[in-house]
Amino acid sequence: MEGASVSDKSVFLSAANHFEDSLFRDMEALNVLPPNVVTRVSEYISPIVDFVQKSIDQVYGCETNGSVYFDVNKFNGSDGHFHLKLRPEAFGNAKELEEGEGKL
C-alpha cells in the first residue's frame, strides 16, 4: 500500500484535479455542456465509510485483506430488500428508484 505511506496528501487532490480538468476540457471540445453541479466522492467519505460499516455490521458485507465484499444475493434474499440491478424490469420506474436510492 504505497498510498498509505504518502505524508503529503495534497498529491492525491492534485492528481484528481488534473484528470477532472482534462475531462472538462475534452467534454468542452465535444460541445458537451458543463455540469451545473460537480459532486466529488472525496466530499462524501464519512457517509460512505458509515454505509460500508453498516453493511458489514448487518452481515451483507465482509472485510478481507483491506477490501470489502458485498453479498448481493443475501441482501436480495432478505425481507424488504431488493437490488435494482437484479431486477431489470425496474429500470425507469421512478417510484422504485426513489425507494431504492432515495428521492433525488
C-alpha atoms as a PDB file:
ATOM      1  CA  MET A   1       0.000   0.000   0.000  1.00  0.00           C
ATOM      2  CA  GLU A   2       2.210   2.767  -1.245  1.00  0.00           C
ATOM      3  CA  GLY A   3      -0.506   5.421  -0.981  1.00  0.00           C
ATOM      4  CA  ALA A   4      -0.775   4.871   2.771  1.00  0.00           C
ATOM      5  CA  SER A   5       2.865   5.894   3.181  1.00  0.00           C
ATOM      6  CA  VAL A   6       2.452   9.282   1.443  1.00  0.00           C
ATOM      7  CA  SER A   7       2.885  12.053   4.000  1.00  0.00           C
ATOM      8  CA  ASP A   8       1.717  14.945   1.780  1.00  0.00           C
ATOM      9  CA  LYS A   9      -1.888  14.032   0.997  1.00  0.00           C
ATOM     10  CA  SER A  10      -2.256  17.018  -1.381  1.00  0.00           C
ATOM     11  CA  VAL A  11      -0.693  14.843  -4.097  1.00  0.00           C
ATOM     12  CA  PHE A  12      -3.975  12.930  -4.301  1.00  0.00           C
ATOM     13  CA  LEU A  13      -6.046  16.094  -4.741  1.00  0.00           C
ATOM     14  CA  SER A  14      -3.587  17.356  -7.341  1.00  0.00           C
ATOM     15  CA  ALA A  15      -3.894  14.140  -9.360  1.00  0.00           C
ATOM     16  CA  ALA A  16      -7.694  14.180  -9.132  1.00  0.00           C
ATOM     17  CA  ASN A  17      -7.818  17.834 -10.218  1.00  0.00           C
ATOM     18  CA  HIS A  18      -5.580  17.074 -13.184  1.00  0.00           C
ATOM     19  CA  PHE A  19      -7.896  14.367 -14.510  1.00  0.00           C
ATOM     20  CA  GLU A  20     -11.057  16.327 -13.710  1.00  0.00           C
ATOM     21  CA  ASP A  21      -9.730  19.332 -15.635  1.00  0.00           C
ATOM     22  CA  SER A  22      -8.748  17.071 -18.525  1.00  0.00           C
ATOM     23  CA  LEU A  23     -12.251  15.573 -18.619  1.00  0.00           C
ATOM     24  CA  PHE A  24     -13.888  19.003 -18.654  1.00  0.00           C
ATOM     25  CA  ARG A  25     -11.603  20.180 -21.480  1.00  0.00           C
ATOM     26  CA  ASP A  26     -12.403  17.062 -23.502  1.00  0.00           C
ATOM     27  CA  MET A  27     -16.127  17.466 -22.921  1.00  0.00           C
ATOM     28  CA  GLU A  28     -15.948  21.133 -23.968  1.00  0.00           C
ATOM     29  CA  ALA A  29     -14.121  20.111 -27.154  1.00  0.00           C
ATOM     30  CA  LEU A  30     -17.011  17.736 -27.860  1.00  0.00           C
ATOM     31  CA  ASN A  31     -19.523  20.569 -27.308  1.00  0.00           C
ATOM     32  CA  VAL A  32     -20.922  18.923 -24.172  1.00  0.00           C
ATOM     33  CA  LEU A  33     -22.346  21.448 -21.744  1.00  0.00           C
ATOM     34  CA  PRO A  34     -20.566  21.628 -18.395  1.00  0.00           C
ATOM     35  CA  PRO A  35     -22.358  20.200 -15.364  1.00  0.00           C
ATOM     36  CA  ASN A  36     -24.418  22.507 -13.173  1.00  0.00           C
ATOM     37  CA  VAL A  37     -23.075  20.770 -10.077  1.00  0.00           C
ATOM     38  CA  VAL A  38     -19.908  18.744  -9.590  1.00  0.00           C
ATOM     39  CA  THR A  39     -20.022  16.126  -6.858  1.00  0.00           C
ATOM     40  CA  ARG A  40     -16.776  14.527  -5.757  1.00  0.00           C
ATOM     41  CA  VAL A  41     -16.705  11.253  -3.875  1.00  0.00           C
ATOM     42  CA  SER A  42     -13.981  12.723  -1.663  1.00  0.00           C
ATOM     43  CA  GLU A  43     -16.628  15.052  -0.225  1.00  0.00           C
ATOM     44  CA  TYR A  44     -18.667  12.062   0.976  1.00  0.00           C
ATOM     45  CA  ILE A  45     -16.040   9.762   2.519  1.00  0.00           C
ATOM     46  CA  SER A  46     -17.597   9.730   6.012  1.00  0.00           C
ATOM     47  CA  PRO A  47     -21.107   8.720   4.854  1.00  0.00           C
ATOM     48  CA  ILE A  48     -19.586   6.093   2.552  1.00  0.00           C
ATOM     49  CA  VAL A  49     -17.497   4.638   5.388  1.00  0.00           C
ATOM     50  CA  ASP A  50     -20.610   4.607   7.603  1.00  0.00           C
ATOM     51  CA  PHE A  51     -22.624   2.837   4.876  1.00  0.00           C
ATOM     52  CA  VAL A  52     -19.921   0.209   4.341  1.00  0.00           C
ATOM     53  CA  GLN A  53     -19.563  -0.366   8.101  1.00  0.00           C
ATOM     54  CA  LYS A  54     -23.345  -0.717   8.472  1.00  0.00           C
ATOM     55  CA  SER A  55     -23.349  -3.260   5.619  1.00  0.00           C
ATOM     56  CA  ILE A  56     -20.632  -5.239   7.399  1.00  0.00           C
ATOM     57  CA  ASP A  57     -22.466  -4.978  10.742  1.00  0.00           C
ATOM     58  CA  GLN A  58     -25.653  -6.294   9.107  1.00  0.00           C
ATOM     59  CA  VAL A  59     -23.626  -9.148   7.569  1.00  0.00           C
ATOM     60  CA  TYR A  60     -24.275  -8.005   3.983  1.00  0.00           C
ATOM     61  CA  GLY A  61     -20.572  -7.399   3.529  1.00  0.00           C
ATOM     62  CA  CYS A  62     -17.293  -8.655   4.866  1.00  0.00           C
ATOM     63  CA  GLU A  63     -13.781  -7.240   5.008  1.00  0.00           C
ATOM     64  CA  THR A  64     -10.917  -9.340   3.708  1.00  0.00           C
ATOM     65  CA  ASN A  65      -7.347  -8.125   3.260  1.00  0.00           C
ATOM     66  CA  GLY A  66      -8.381  -4.464   3.174  1.00  0.00           C
ATOM     67  CA  SER A  67     -11.246  -4.919   0.693  1.00  0.00           C
ATOM     68  CA  VAL A  68     -14.969  -5.165   1.396  1.00  0.00           C
ATOM     69  CA  TYR A  69     -17.137  -7.634  -0.481  1.00  0.00           C
ATOM     70  CA  PHE A  70     -20.910  -7.341  -0.578  1.00  0.00           C
ATOM     71  CA  ASP A  71     -23.204 -10.351  -0.643  1.00  0.00           C
ATOM     72  CA  VAL A  72     -25.820  -9.078  -3.110  1.00  0.00           C
ATOM     73  CA  ASN A  73     -27.675 -12.410  -3.084  1.00  0.00           C
ATOM     74  CA  LYS A  74     -28.024 -12.285   0.704  1.00  0.00           C
ATOM     75  CA  PHE A  75     -29.243  -8.683   0.525  1.00  0.00           C
ATOM     76  CA  ASN A  76     -31.682  -9.508  -2.265  1.00  0.00           C
ATOM     77  CA  GLY A  77     -32.968 -12.529  -0.331  1.00  0.00           C
ATOM     78  CA  SER A  78     -33.721 -10.520   2.814  1.00  0.00           C
ATOM     79  CA  ASP A  79     -37.255  -9.349   3.525  1.00  0.00           C
ATOM     80  CA  GLY A  80     -37.921  -5.866   2.205  1.00  0.00           C
ATOM     81  CA  HIS A  81     -34.706  -5.655   0.201  1.00  0.00           C
ATOM     82  CA  PHE A  82     -34.024  -5.923  -3.486  1.00  0.00           C
ATOM     83  CA  HIS A  83     -31.253  -4.737  -5.732  1.00  0.00           C
ATOM     84  CA  LEU A  84     -32.433  -2.910  -8.852  1.00  0.00           C
ATOM     85  CA  LYS A  85     -29.574  -4.306 -10.921  1.00  0.00           C
ATOM     86  CA  LEU A  86     -31.026  -7.730 -10.248  1.00  0.00           C
ATOM     87  CA  ARG A  87     -34.436  -6.540 -11.442  1.00  0.00           C
ATOM     88  CA  PRO A  88     -34.006  -5.141 -14.959  1.00  0.00           C
ATOM     89  CA  GLU A  89     -37.766  -4.615 -15.210  1.00  0.00           C
ATOM     90  CA  ALA A  90     -37.407  -1.908 -12.520  1.00  0.00           C
ATOM     91  CA  PHE A  91     -35.392   0.287 -14.882  1.00  0.00           C
ATOM     92  CA  GLY A  92     -37.138   3.619 -15.449  1.00  0.00           C
ATOM     93  CA  ASN A  93     -39.609   3.083 -12.609  1.00  0.00           C
ATOM     94  CA  ALA A  94     -39.302   6.377 -10.683  1.00  0.00           C
ATOM     95  CA  LYS A  95     -41.197   5.041  -7.661  1.00  0.00           C
ATOM     96  CA  GLU A  96     -38.825   2.091  -7.272  1.00  0.00           C
ATOM     97  CA  LEU A  97     -35.840   4.339  -7.869  1.00  0.00           C
ATOM     98  CA  GLU A  98     -36.952   6.619  -5.039  1.00  0.00           C
ATOM     99  CA  GLU A  99     -37.463   3.636  -2.739  1.00  0.00           C
ATOM    100  CA  GLY A 100     -34.109   2.081  -3.659  1.00  0.00           C
ATOM    101  CA  GLU A 101     -31.896   5.146  -3.971  1.00  0.00           C
ATOM    102  CA  GLY A 102     -33.734   7.845  -2.049  1.00  0.00           C
ATOM    103  CA  LYS A 103     -35.698  10.708  -3.518  1.00  0.00           C
ATOM    104  CA  LEU A 104     -33.450  12.897  -5.641  1.00  0.00           C
END
